[in-house]
Amino acid sequence: MPNQRMIICGVFSLVLLCLSPGCHTTGRSADGEKVYFVGTGAYHRKLRKLLLTEDQARARLVDHLSVQQKTDYWSRSLAAIVGDSFLFSGPCKTVVDLRGYYVDARTGVVSFHEQSTSDRYVRPPFGAFVDYPAFK
């Protein structure tokens, strides 16, 4: 019966691993707001609760940038939802850069947030799949 014991121990270890904090699919900004990483289940659940869709938020940002005569580079890079705002920031492979344009999903207001160097990045929890868009 050693094989059965190994299987039980393996299943038990897997359960403990998934209950550890590393399996959560949200993070926290320096301000304590939840960060929902693109492509995770928590992100999609949060998305259903917001008034604006991703496309509507992107359109608000494009309009805002065109008025300011700035490039729409930022609009292609939806990084996360922070609190109740869509975050559009520069591309990063392993972290979310909290410096960027925020589109409030309740009001549609667009604002640029500059972060200090120490508070600028949030790393997705271990095991969280982050589906970053392709950049052209």
C-alpha atoms as a PDB file:
ATOM      1  CA  MET A   1       0.000   0.000   0.000  1.00  0.00           C
ATOM      2  CA  PRO A   2       2.923   2.467  -0.237  1.00  0.00           C
ATOM      3  CA  ASN A   3       1.530   3.790  -3.519  1.00  0.00           C
ATOM      4  CA  GLN A   4      -1.772   4.668  -1.879  1.00  0.00           C
ATOM      5  CA  ARG A   5       0.057   6.512   0.927  1.00  0.00           C
ATOM      6  CA  MET A   6       2.116   8.448  -1.607  1.00  0.00           C
ATOM      7  CA  ILE A   7      -1.021   9.465  -3.473  1.00  0.00           C
ATOM      8  CA  ILE A   8      -2.750  10.602  -0.266  1.00  0.00           C
ATOM      9  CA  CYS A   9       0.336  12.571   0.815  1.00  0.00           C
ATOM     10  CA  GLY A  10       0.610  14.129  -2.636  1.00  0.00           C
ATOM     11  CA  VAL A  11      -3.043  15.205  -2.648  1.00  0.00           C
ATOM     12  CA  PHE A  12      -2.731  16.577   0.888  1.00  0.00           C
ATOM     13  CA  SER A  13       0.400  18.559  -0.086  1.00  0.00           C
ATOM     14  CA  LEU A  14      -1.354  19.966  -3.140  1.00  0.00           C
ATOM     15  CA  VAL A  15      -4.334  21.069  -1.030  1.00  0.00           C
ATOM     16  CA  LEU A  16      -2.018  22.802   1.452  1.00  0.00           C
ATOM     17  CA  LEU A  17      -0.156  24.498  -1.375  1.00  0.00           C
ATOM     18  CA  CYS A  18      -3.372  25.851  -2.878  1.00  0.00           C
ATOM     19  CA  LEU A  19      -4.568  27.134   0.481  1.00  0.00           C
ATOM     20  CA  SER A  20      -1.357  29.095   0.960  1.00  0.00           C
ATOM     21  CA  PRO A  21      -1.379  32.850   0.266  1.00  0.00           C
ATOM     22  CA  GLY A  22       0.489  32.298  -2.998  1.00  0.00           C
ATOM     23  CA  CYS A  23      -2.606  30.943  -4.739  1.00  0.00           C
ATOM     24  CA  HIS A  24      -4.622  34.116  -4.318  1.00  0.00           C
ATOM     25  CA  THR A  25      -5.076  36.017  -7.549  1.00  0.00           C
ATOM     26  CA  THR A  26      -5.137  39.540  -6.153  1.00  0.00           C
ATOM     27  CA  GLY A  27      -2.432  41.753  -4.731  1.00  0.00           C
ATOM     28  CA  ARG A  28      -2.375  45.064  -2.887  1.00  0.00           C
ATOM     29  CA  SER A  29      -1.074  48.462  -3.903  1.00  0.00           C
ATOM     30  CA  ALA A  30       0.927  50.577  -1.447  1.00  0.00           C
ATOM     31  CA  ASP A  31      -2.353  52.376  -0.657  1.00  0.00           C
ATOM     32  CA  GLY A  32      -3.965  49.075   0.285  1.00  0.00           C
ATOM     33  CA  GLU A  33      -6.260  48.852  -2.739  1.00  0.00           C
ATOM     34  CA  LYS A  34      -6.787  45.420  -4.245  1.00  0.00           C
ATOM     35  CA  VAL A  35      -5.026  44.760  -7.542  1.00  0.00           C
ATOM     36  CA  TYR A  36      -6.859  42.328  -9.842  1.00  0.00           C
ATOM     37  CA  PHE A  37      -4.489  40.787 -12.385  1.00  0.00           C
ATOM     38  CA  VAL A  38      -5.643  40.461 -16.011  1.00  0.00           C
ATOM     39  CA  GLY A  39      -6.644  36.927 -16.929  1.00  0.00           C
ATOM     40  CA  THR A  40      -7.360  35.675 -13.404  1.00  0.00           C
ATOM     41  CA  GLY A  41     -10.693  34.524 -12.027  1.00  0.00           C
ATOM     42  CA  ALA A  42     -10.719  37.388  -9.511  1.00  0.00           C
ATOM     43  CA  TYR A  43     -10.232  39.857 -12.379  1.00  0.00           C
ATOM     44  CA  HIS A  44     -13.194  38.482 -14.326  1.00  0.00           C
ATOM     45  CA  ARG A  45     -15.415  38.480 -11.224  1.00  0.00           C
ATOM     46  CA  LYS A  46     -14.486  42.114 -10.515  1.00  0.00           C
ATOM     47  CA  LEU A  47     -15.050  43.040 -14.165  1.00  0.00           C
ATOM     48  CA  ARG A  48     -18.683  41.886 -13.919  1.00  0.00           C
ATOM     49  CA  LYS A  49     -19.261  44.286 -11.003  1.00  0.00           C
ATOM     50  CA  LEU A  50     -17.949  47.424 -12.740  1.00  0.00           C
ATOM     51  CA  LEU A  51     -20.049  49.901 -14.722  1.00  0.00           C
ATOM     52  CA  LEU A  52     -17.539  50.289 -17.578  1.00  0.00           C
ATOM     53  CA  THR A  53     -16.214  47.464 -19.731  1.00  0.00           C
ATOM     54  CA  GLU A  54     -12.565  47.146 -20.790  1.00  0.00           C
ATOM     55  CA  ASP A  55     -13.409  48.544 -24.232  1.00  0.00           C
ATOM     56  CA  GLN A  56     -15.327  51.498 -22.799  1.00  0.00           C
ATOM     57  CA  ALA A  57     -12.441  52.307 -20.437  1.00  0.00           C
ATOM     58  CA  ARG A  58      -9.970  52.084 -23.322  1.00  0.00           C
ATOM     59  CA  ALA A  59     -12.177  54.392 -25.421  1.00  0.00           C
ATOM     60  CA  ARG A  60     -12.283  56.940 -22.568  1.00  0.00           C
ATOM     61  CA  LEU A  61      -8.512  56.825 -22.370  1.00  0.00           C
ATOM     62  CA  VAL A  62      -8.073  57.236 -26.136  1.00  0.00           C
ATOM     63  CA  ASP A  63     -10.402  60.271 -26.064  1.00  0.00           C
ATOM     64  CA  HIS A  64      -8.487  61.733 -23.110  1.00  0.00           C
ATOM     65  CA  LEU A  65      -5.125  61.226 -24.832  1.00  0.00           C
ATOM     66  CA  SER A  66      -6.322  62.684 -28.131  1.00  0.00           C
ATOM     67  CA  VAL A  67      -7.459  65.872 -26.375  1.00  0.00           C
ATOM     68  CA  GLN A  68      -3.999  66.122 -24.794  1.00  0.00           C
ATOM     69  CA  GLN A  69      -2.401  65.241 -28.156  1.00  0.00           C
ATOM     70  CA  LYS A  70      -0.511  62.317 -26.651  1.00  0.00           C
ATOM     71  CA  THR A  71       0.153  58.925 -28.173  1.00  0.00           C
ATOM     72  CA  ASP A  72      -2.346  56.127 -27.663  1.00  0.00           C
ATOM     73  CA  TYR A  73       0.488  53.733 -26.707  1.00  0.00           C
ATOM     74  CA  TRP A  74      -0.969  53.561 -23.213  1.00  0.00           C
ATOM     75  CA  SER A  75      -4.387  52.452 -24.447  1.00  0.00           C
ATOM     76  CA  ARG A  76      -3.033  49.128 -25.702  1.00  0.00           C
ATOM     77  CA  SER A  77      -1.676  48.109 -22.333  1.00  0.00           C
ATOM     78  CA  LEU A  78      -4.433  47.259 -19.851  1.00  0.00           C
ATOM     79  CA  ALA A  79      -2.435  45.987 -16.891  1.00  0.00           C
ATOM     80  CA  ALA A  80      -4.921  45.409 -14.065  1.00  0.00           C
ATOM     81  CA  ILE A  81      -7.910  46.667 -12.138  1.00  0.00           C
ATOM     82  CA  VAL A  82      -6.829  48.624  -9.071  1.00  0.00           C
ATOM     83  CA  GLY A  83      -9.688  49.219  -6.660  1.00  0.00           C
ATOM     84  CA  ASP A  84     -12.499  50.248  -9.018  1.00  0.00           C
ATOM     85  CA  SER A  85     -10.257  51.644 -11.763  1.00  0.00           C
ATOM     86  CA  PHE A  86      -8.778  50.168 -14.907  1.00  0.00           C
ATOM     87  CA  LEU A  87      -4.994  50.643 -14.966  1.00  0.00           C
ATOM     88  CA  PHE A  88      -3.264  51.214 -18.294  1.00  0.00           C
ATOM     89  CA  SER A  89       0.509  51.153 -17.847  1.00  0.00           C
ATOM     90  CA  GLY A  90       3.687  50.291 -19.686  1.00  0.00           C
ATOM     91  CA  PRO A  91       4.338  46.655 -20.532  1.00  0.00           C
ATOM     92  CA  CYS A  92       6.045  44.532 -17.881  1.00  0.00           C
ATOM     93  CA  LYS A  93       6.439  40.769 -18.118  1.00  0.00           C
ATOM     94  CA  THR A  94       6.636  39.796 -14.446  1.00  0.00           C
ATOM     95  CA  VAL A  95       5.104  42.705 -12.506  1.00  0.00           C
ATOM     96  CA  VAL A  96       2.318  45.254 -12.787  1.00  0.00           C
ATOM     97  CA  ASP A  97       3.597  48.815 -13.023  1.00  0.00           C
ATOM     98  CA  LEU A  98       1.245  51.013 -10.963  1.00  0.00           C
ATOM     99  CA  ARG A  99       2.473  54.148 -12.767  1.00  0.00           C
ATOM    100  CA  GLY A 100       0.056  54.917 -15.566  1.00  0.00           C
ATOM    101  CA  TYR A 101      -3.417  56.050 -16.540  1.00  0.00           C
ATOM    102  CA  TYR A 102      -6.348  55.075 -14.351  1.00  0.00           C
ATOM    103  CA  VAL A 103      -9.904  55.081 -15.703  1.00  0.00           C
ATOM    104  CA  ASP A 104     -12.441  55.111 -12.875  1.00  0.00           C
ATOM    105  CA  ALA A 105     -14.986  52.425 -13.743  1.00  0.00           C
ATOM    106  CA  ARG A 106     -17.748  54.248 -11.822  1.00  0.00           C
ATOM    107  CA  THR A 107     -17.317  57.771 -13.212  1.00  0.00           C
ATOM    108  CA  GLY A 108     -15.207  57.346 -16.361  1.00  0.00           C
ATOM    109  CA  VAL A 109     -12.716  59.963 -15.134  1.00  0.00           C
ATOM    110  CA  VAL A 110      -9.187  59.498 -16.489  1.00  0.00           C
ATOM    111  CA  SER A 111      -6.154  60.430 -14.379  1.00  0.00           C
ATOM    112  CA  PHE A 112      -2.424  59.793 -14.484  1.00  0.00           C
ATOM    113  CA  HIS A 113      -0.802  58.401 -11.332  1.00  0.00           C
ATOM    114  CA  GLU A 114       2.916  58.698 -10.695  1.00  0.00           C
ATOM    115  CA  GLN A 115       4.228  56.247  -8.117  1.00  0.00           C
ATOM    116  CA  SER A 116       7.366  56.473  -6.036  1.00  0.00           C
ATOM    117  CA  THR A 117      10.041  53.973  -7.000  1.00  0.00           C
ATOM    118  CA  SER A 118       9.506  51.798  -3.931  1.00  0.00           C
ATOM    119  CA  ASP A 119       5.712  51.604  -4.383  1.00  0.00           C
ATOM    120  CA  ARG A 120       5.664  51.343  -8.143  1.00  0.00           C
ATOM    121  CA  TYR A 121       5.414  47.611  -8.810  1.00  0.00           C
ATOM    122  CA  VAL A 122       3.106  44.810  -7.688  1.00  0.00           C
ATOM    123  CA  ARG A 123       4.091  41.237  -8.405  1.00  0.00           C
ATOM    124  CA  PRO A 124       1.330  38.748  -9.181  1.00  0.00           C
ATOM    125  CA  PRO A 125       1.172  36.007  -6.542  1.00  0.00           C
ATOM    126  CA  PHE A 126       3.077  32.820  -7.293  1.00  0.00           C
ATOM    127  CA  GLY A 127       1.061  30.627  -9.621  1.00  0.00           C
ATOM    128  CA  ALA A 128      -1.234  33.409 -10.864  1.00  0.00           C
ATOM    129  CA  PHE A 129      -1.419  33.445 -14.647  1.00  0.00           C
ATOM    130  CA  VAL A 130      -1.301  36.983 -15.955  1.00  0.00           C
ATOM    131  CA  ASP A 131      -2.563  37.372 -19.504  1.00  0.00           C
ATOM    132  CA  TYR A 132      -0.853  40.515 -20.788  1.00  0.00           C
ATOM    133  CA  PRO A 133      -1.976  41.780 -24.188  1.00  0.00           C
ATOM    134  CA  ALA A 134       0.317  41.631 -27.193  1.00  0.00           C
ATOM    135  CA  PHE A 135       2.076  44.878 -27.967  1.00  0.00           C
ATOM    136  CA  LYS A 136       2.480  46.049 -31.553  1.00  0.00           C
END
